[in-house]
């Protein structure tokens, strides 16, 4: 009962803030409607408040949620063009970790390309690993990642490229193609950056839009030939 009262008070506080034109308040009201906390669940109203907040231009979470709603048809009609627009707006506000100077120069150029907004990610920032698919070229995992520079948790996929420490060229080509797909179609694939595990294999860290289950989608993407990926 106390938890319910607290949720109601939180909703009322956020609603007052939203009514005063506060972008964070609007985004928080959207969350309350999304999860039915302190108010009846209503995806249409959630989308309405997320959109109001996103249009102000300061709330990354609202922009992401608007994009996600458009991508999945939650509270609004599914619209991939608008989803891509808002994912790009969201990505443009993200901060990134600087790439180290000692890495392959070609890899560094990709990481520093402002179009892609990639980070060099410390492997220790990942936890709750679960293997999702394995092939001769790579193993795909899901994991939780605490994005320290943006102060947020993200559920991500990462692709460990086998023996990439010995064959950097293949890894760099794989990364380039991931980045190009993510740049042209961010509602399908988002490339967060690059990491290395204890075996010094390179890792491509991604957030992938659902196409059925996460497991099915990750396995499909990991096994596709690049000529097929580029036509997604």
Protein backbone atom coordinates (compact mmCIF):
# COMPACT_ATOMS: atom_id res chain seq x y z
CA UNK A 1 0.00 0.00 0.00
CA UNK A 2 2.79 2.43 0.94
CA UNK A 3 4.55 1.69 -2.35
CA UNK A 4 1.35 2.53 -4.24
CA UNK A 5 0.98 5.81 -2.34
CA UNK A 6 4.61 6.72 -3.07
CA UNK A 7 4.08 6.02 -6.79
CA UNK A 8 0.99 8.23 -6.81
CA UNK A 9 2.86 11.06 -5.11
CA UNK A 10 5.74 10.67 -7.53
CA UNK A 11 3.36 10.83 -10.49
CA UNK A 12 1.67 13.95 -9.12
CA UNK A 13 5.03 15.64 -8.56
CA UNK A 14 6.25 14.79 -12.08
CA UNK A 15 2.93 15.89 -13.59
CA UNK A 16 3.19 19.30 -11.91
CA UNK A 17 6.75 19.62 -13.19
CA UNK A 18 5.62 18.65 -16.69
CA UNK A 19 2.78 21.17 -16.61
CA UNK A 20 5.37 23.86 -15.89
CA UNK A 21 7.22 22.91 -19.08
CA UNK A 22 10.04 20.88 -17.54
CA UNK A 23 11.45 18.35 -20.04
CA UNK A 24 12.60 15.88 -17.37
CA UNK A 25 9.19 16.05 -15.71
CA UNK A 26 7.51 15.25 -19.04
CA UNK A 27 9.83 12.31 -19.62
CA UNK A 28 9.18 11.00 -16.10
CA UNK A 29 5.41 11.27 -16.61
CA UNK A 30 5.90 9.18 -19.75
CA UNK A 31 7.68 6.55 -17.66
CA UNK A 32 4.81 6.50 -15.15
CA UNK A 33 2.30 5.89 -17.93
CA UNK A 34 4.54 3.27 -19.54
CA UNK A 35 4.89 1.19 -16.38
CA UNK A 36 1.55 2.02 -14.75
CA UNK A 37 3.20 3.52 -11.68
CA UNK A 38 0.84 5.78 -9.73
CA UNK A 39 -1.50 5.95 -12.73
CA UNK A 40 -3.23 3.54 -15.10
CA UNK A 41 -0.90 2.22 -17.78
CA UNK A 42 -1.46 4.11 -21.03
CA UNK A 43 1.06 3.81 -23.87
CA UNK A 44 -0.61 6.54 -25.93
CA UNK A 45 -0.20 9.07 -23.13
CA UNK A 46 3.33 7.80 -22.47
CA UNK A 47 4.26 8.49 -26.09
CA UNK A 48 2.59 11.92 -25.94
CA UNK A 49 4.70 12.98 -22.95
CA UNK A 50 7.90 11.47 -24.33
CA UNK A 51 7.34 13.38 -27.57
CA UNK A 52 6.70 16.67 -25.75
CA UNK A 53 9.91 16.21 -23.78
CA UNK A 54 11.95 15.16 -26.82
CA UNK A 55 10.79 18.20 -28.79
CA UNK A 56 12.28 20.49 -26.14
CA UNK A 57 15.62 18.95 -27.08
CA UNK A 58 17.39 18.34 -23.77
CA UNK A 59 16.27 14.86 -22.64
CA UNK A 60 18.27 11.99 -24.14
CA UNK A 61 16.01 9.40 -22.50
CA UNK A 62 12.88 10.98 -24.00
CA UNK A 63 14.44 11.00 -27.48
CA UNK A 64 15.39 7.35 -27.12
CA UNK A 65 11.90 6.42 -25.91
CA UNK A 66 10.23 8.30 -28.77
CA UNK A 67 12.47 6.46 -31.23
CA UNK A 68 11.69 3.14 -29.55
CA UNK A 69 7.94 3.84 -29.66
CA UNK A 70 8.12 4.63 -33.38
CA UNK A 71 10.28 1.58 -34.03
CA UNK A 72 7.93 -0.84 -32.26
CA UNK A 73 4.57 0.89 -32.75
CA UNK A 74 4.05 1.54 -29.03
CA UNK A 75 1.48 4.26 -28.37
CA UNK A 76 1.76 5.42 -31.98
CA UNK A 77 1.85 4.05 -35.50
CA UNK A 78 5.06 2.21 -36.41
CA UNK A 79 7.26 4.57 -38.42
CA UNK A 80 10.85 3.55 -39.14
CA UNK A 81 11.72 6.88 -40.77
CA UNK A 82 10.75 8.78 -37.61
CA UNK A 83 12.44 6.12 -35.48
CA UNK A 84 15.71 6.66 -37.34
CA UNK A 85 15.35 10.44 -37.02
CA UNK A 86 14.96 10.31 -33.24
CA UNK A 87 17.69 7.69 -32.77
CA UNK A 88 20.07 10.03 -34.59
CA UNK A 89 18.98 12.97 -32.42
CA UNK A 90 19.55 10.85 -29.31
CA UNK A 91 22.94 9.63 -30.50
CA UNK A 92 24.08 13.18 -31.29
CA UNK A 93 23.82 14.08 -27.59
CA UNK A 94 25.82 11.11 -26.31
CA UNK A 95 29.28 11.58 -24.86
CA UNK A 96 32.02 9.14 -25.84
CA UNK A 97 35.23 7.88 -24.30
CA UNK A 98 38.37 8.91 -26.14
CA UNK A 99 40.12 6.13 -28.01
CA UNK A 100 43.65 5.24 -26.82
CA UNK A 101 46.65 6.34 -28.86
CA UNK A 102 48.38 2.95 -28.94
CA UNK A 103 45.79 1.12 -31.08
CA UNK A 104 45.82 0.41 -34.82
CA UNK A 105 45.68 3.79 -36.65
CA UNK A 106 42.85 2.65 -38.93
CA UNK A 107 40.82 1.51 -35.92
CA UNK A 108 41.48 4.81 -34.19
CA UNK A 109 40.17 6.71 -37.23
CA UNK A 110 36.88 4.79 -37.06
CA UNK A 111 36.53 5.31 -33.31
CA UNK A 112 37.19 9.04 -33.70
CA UNK A 113 34.76 9.47 -36.62
CA UNK A 114 32.15 11.92 -35.31
CA UNK A 115 29.41 10.33 -37.41
CA UNK A 116 29.51 7.12 -35.41
CA UNK A 117 29.89 8.40 -31.80
CA UNK A 118 31.86 5.34 -30.66
CA UNK A 119 33.57 4.75 -27.32
CA UNK A 120 36.54 2.67 -26.29
CA UNK A 121 34.88 0.64 -23.50
CA UNK A 122 36.60 -0.93 -20.51
CA UNK A 123 35.75 -4.66 -20.44
CA UNK A 124 35.21 -4.41 -16.67
CA UNK A 125 32.09 -2.29 -17.29
CA UNK A 126 30.17 -5.38 -18.50
CA UNK A 127 28.39 -7.92 -16.31
CA UNK A 128 25.67 -10.60 -16.44
CA UNK A 129 27.05 -12.21 -19.59
CA UNK A 130 24.98 -14.76 -21.49
CA UNK A 131 26.11 -16.52 -24.64
CA UNK A 132 23.57 -16.07 -27.45
CA UNK A 133 25.24 -17.62 -30.47
CA UNK A 134 28.59 -18.96 -31.68
CA UNK A 135 30.15 -19.46 -35.09
CA UNK A 136 33.59 -19.99 -36.55
CA UNK A 137 34.22 -16.26 -36.83
CA UNK A 138 32.69 -14.86 -33.62
CA UNK A 139 30.73 -15.49 -30.43
CA UNK A 140 27.80 -13.22 -29.57
CA UNK A 141 26.84 -12.42 -25.96
CA UNK A 142 24.22 -10.30 -24.26
CA UNK A 143 25.29 -8.33 -21.19
CA UNK A 144 24.53 -5.34 -19.01
CA UNK A 145 26.82 -2.37 -19.47
CA UNK A 146 27.13 0.63 -17.20
CA UNK A 147 27.90 3.49 -19.56
CA UNK A 148 29.75 5.63 -17.04
CA UNK A 149 30.31 8.66 -19.24
CA UNK A 150 26.53 8.94 -19.90
CA UNK A 151 25.60 7.63 -16.42
CA UNK A 152 23.18 4.96 -17.61
CA UNK A 153 22.76 1.18 -17.72
CA UNK A 154 22.34 -0.40 -21.15
CA UNK A 155 21.41 -3.93 -22.17
CA UNK A 156 23.75 -4.69 -25.03
CA UNK A 157 24.98 -7.35 -27.37
CA UNK A 158 28.65 -7.78 -28.00
CA UNK A 159 30.38 -9.73 -30.65
CA UNK A 160 33.75 -11.26 -29.73
CA UNK A 161 35.76 -11.64 -32.94
CA UNK A 162 37.86 -14.81 -32.66
CA UNK A 163 41.64 -14.31 -32.99
CA UNK A 164 41.13 -10.66 -33.91
CA UNK A 165 44.31 -9.75 -32.06
CA UNK A 166 46.14 -11.65 -34.81
CA UNK A 167 43.97 -10.47 -37.70
CA UNK A 168 43.03 -6.85 -37.11
CA UNK A 169 42.12 -6.26 -40.76
CA UNK A 170 39.07 -8.58 -40.65
CA UNK A 171 37.93 -7.08 -37.37
CA UNK A 172 38.24 -3.53 -38.70
CA UNK A 173 36.22 -4.45 -41.80
CA UNK A 174 33.54 -5.98 -39.56
CA UNK A 175 33.46 -2.83 -37.43
CA UNK A 176 33.25 -0.57 -40.50
CA UNK A 177 30.26 -2.47 -41.81
CA UNK A 178 28.51 -2.45 -38.43
CA UNK A 179 29.01 1.30 -38.20
CA UNK A 180 27.71 1.95 -41.71
CA UNK A 181 24.58 -0.12 -41.06
CA UNK A 182 24.02 1.63 -37.74
CA UNK A 183 24.52 5.05 -39.30
CA UNK A 184 22.10 4.44 -42.17
CA UNK A 185 19.54 2.46 -40.15
CA UNK A 186 19.93 3.21 -36.40
CA UNK A 187 16.49 1.80 -35.60
CA UNK A 188 17.87 -1.64 -36.51
CA UNK A 189 21.40 -1.56 -35.13
CA UNK A 190 23.34 0.78 -32.89
CA UNK A 191 27.09 0.37 -32.49
CA UNK A 192 28.22 1.69 -29.11
CA UNK A 193 31.92 1.07 -29.45
CA UNK A 194 34.80 -1.36 -29.08
CA UNK A 195 36.31 -3.30 -26.19
CA UNK A 196 38.87 -6.08 -25.64
CA UNK A 197 38.57 -9.12 -23.39
CA UNK A 198 41.22 -10.79 -21.26
CA UNK A 199 42.28 -12.86 -24.26
CA UNK A 200 42.86 -9.55 -26.12
CA UNK A 201 40.22 -10.40 -28.73
CA UNK A 202 38.40 -7.33 -30.01
CA UNK A 203 34.70 -6.89 -29.20
CA UNK A 204 32.07 -4.90 -31.10
CA UNK A 205 29.49 -3.59 -28.63
CA UNK A 206 26.01 -3.16 -30.09
CA UNK A 207 22.43 -2.43 -29.20
CA UNK A 208 20.17 -4.27 -31.63
CA UNK A 209 16.49 -3.60 -32.23
CA UNK A 210 14.24 -6.61 -31.66
CA UNK A 211 13.25 -8.62 -34.72
CA UNK A 212 11.48 -11.36 -32.83
CA UNK A 213 13.44 -12.39 -29.76
CA UNK A 214 16.79 -10.85 -28.82
CA UNK A 215 18.42 -14.26 -29.04
CA UNK A 216 17.06 -14.93 -32.53
CA UNK A 217 18.03 -11.50 -33.77
CA UNK A 218 21.59 -11.64 -32.45
CA UNK A 219 22.20 -15.07 -33.91
CA UNK A 220 20.76 -14.02 -37.28
CA UNK A 221 22.91 -10.89 -37.46
CA UNK A 222 26.06 -12.71 -36.35
CA UNK A 223 25.69 -15.33 -39.09
CA UNK A 224 24.69 -13.07 -42.01
CA UNK A 225 27.11 -12.46 -44.84
CA UNK A 226 27.95 -8.77 -45.23
CA UNK A 227 26.31 -8.54 -48.65
CA UNK A 228 23.05 -9.52 -46.87
CA UNK A 229 23.60 -7.23 -43.88
CA UNK A 230 24.03 -4.22 -46.10
CA UNK A 231 20.62 -4.89 -47.67
CA UNK A 232 18.75 -5.10 -44.33
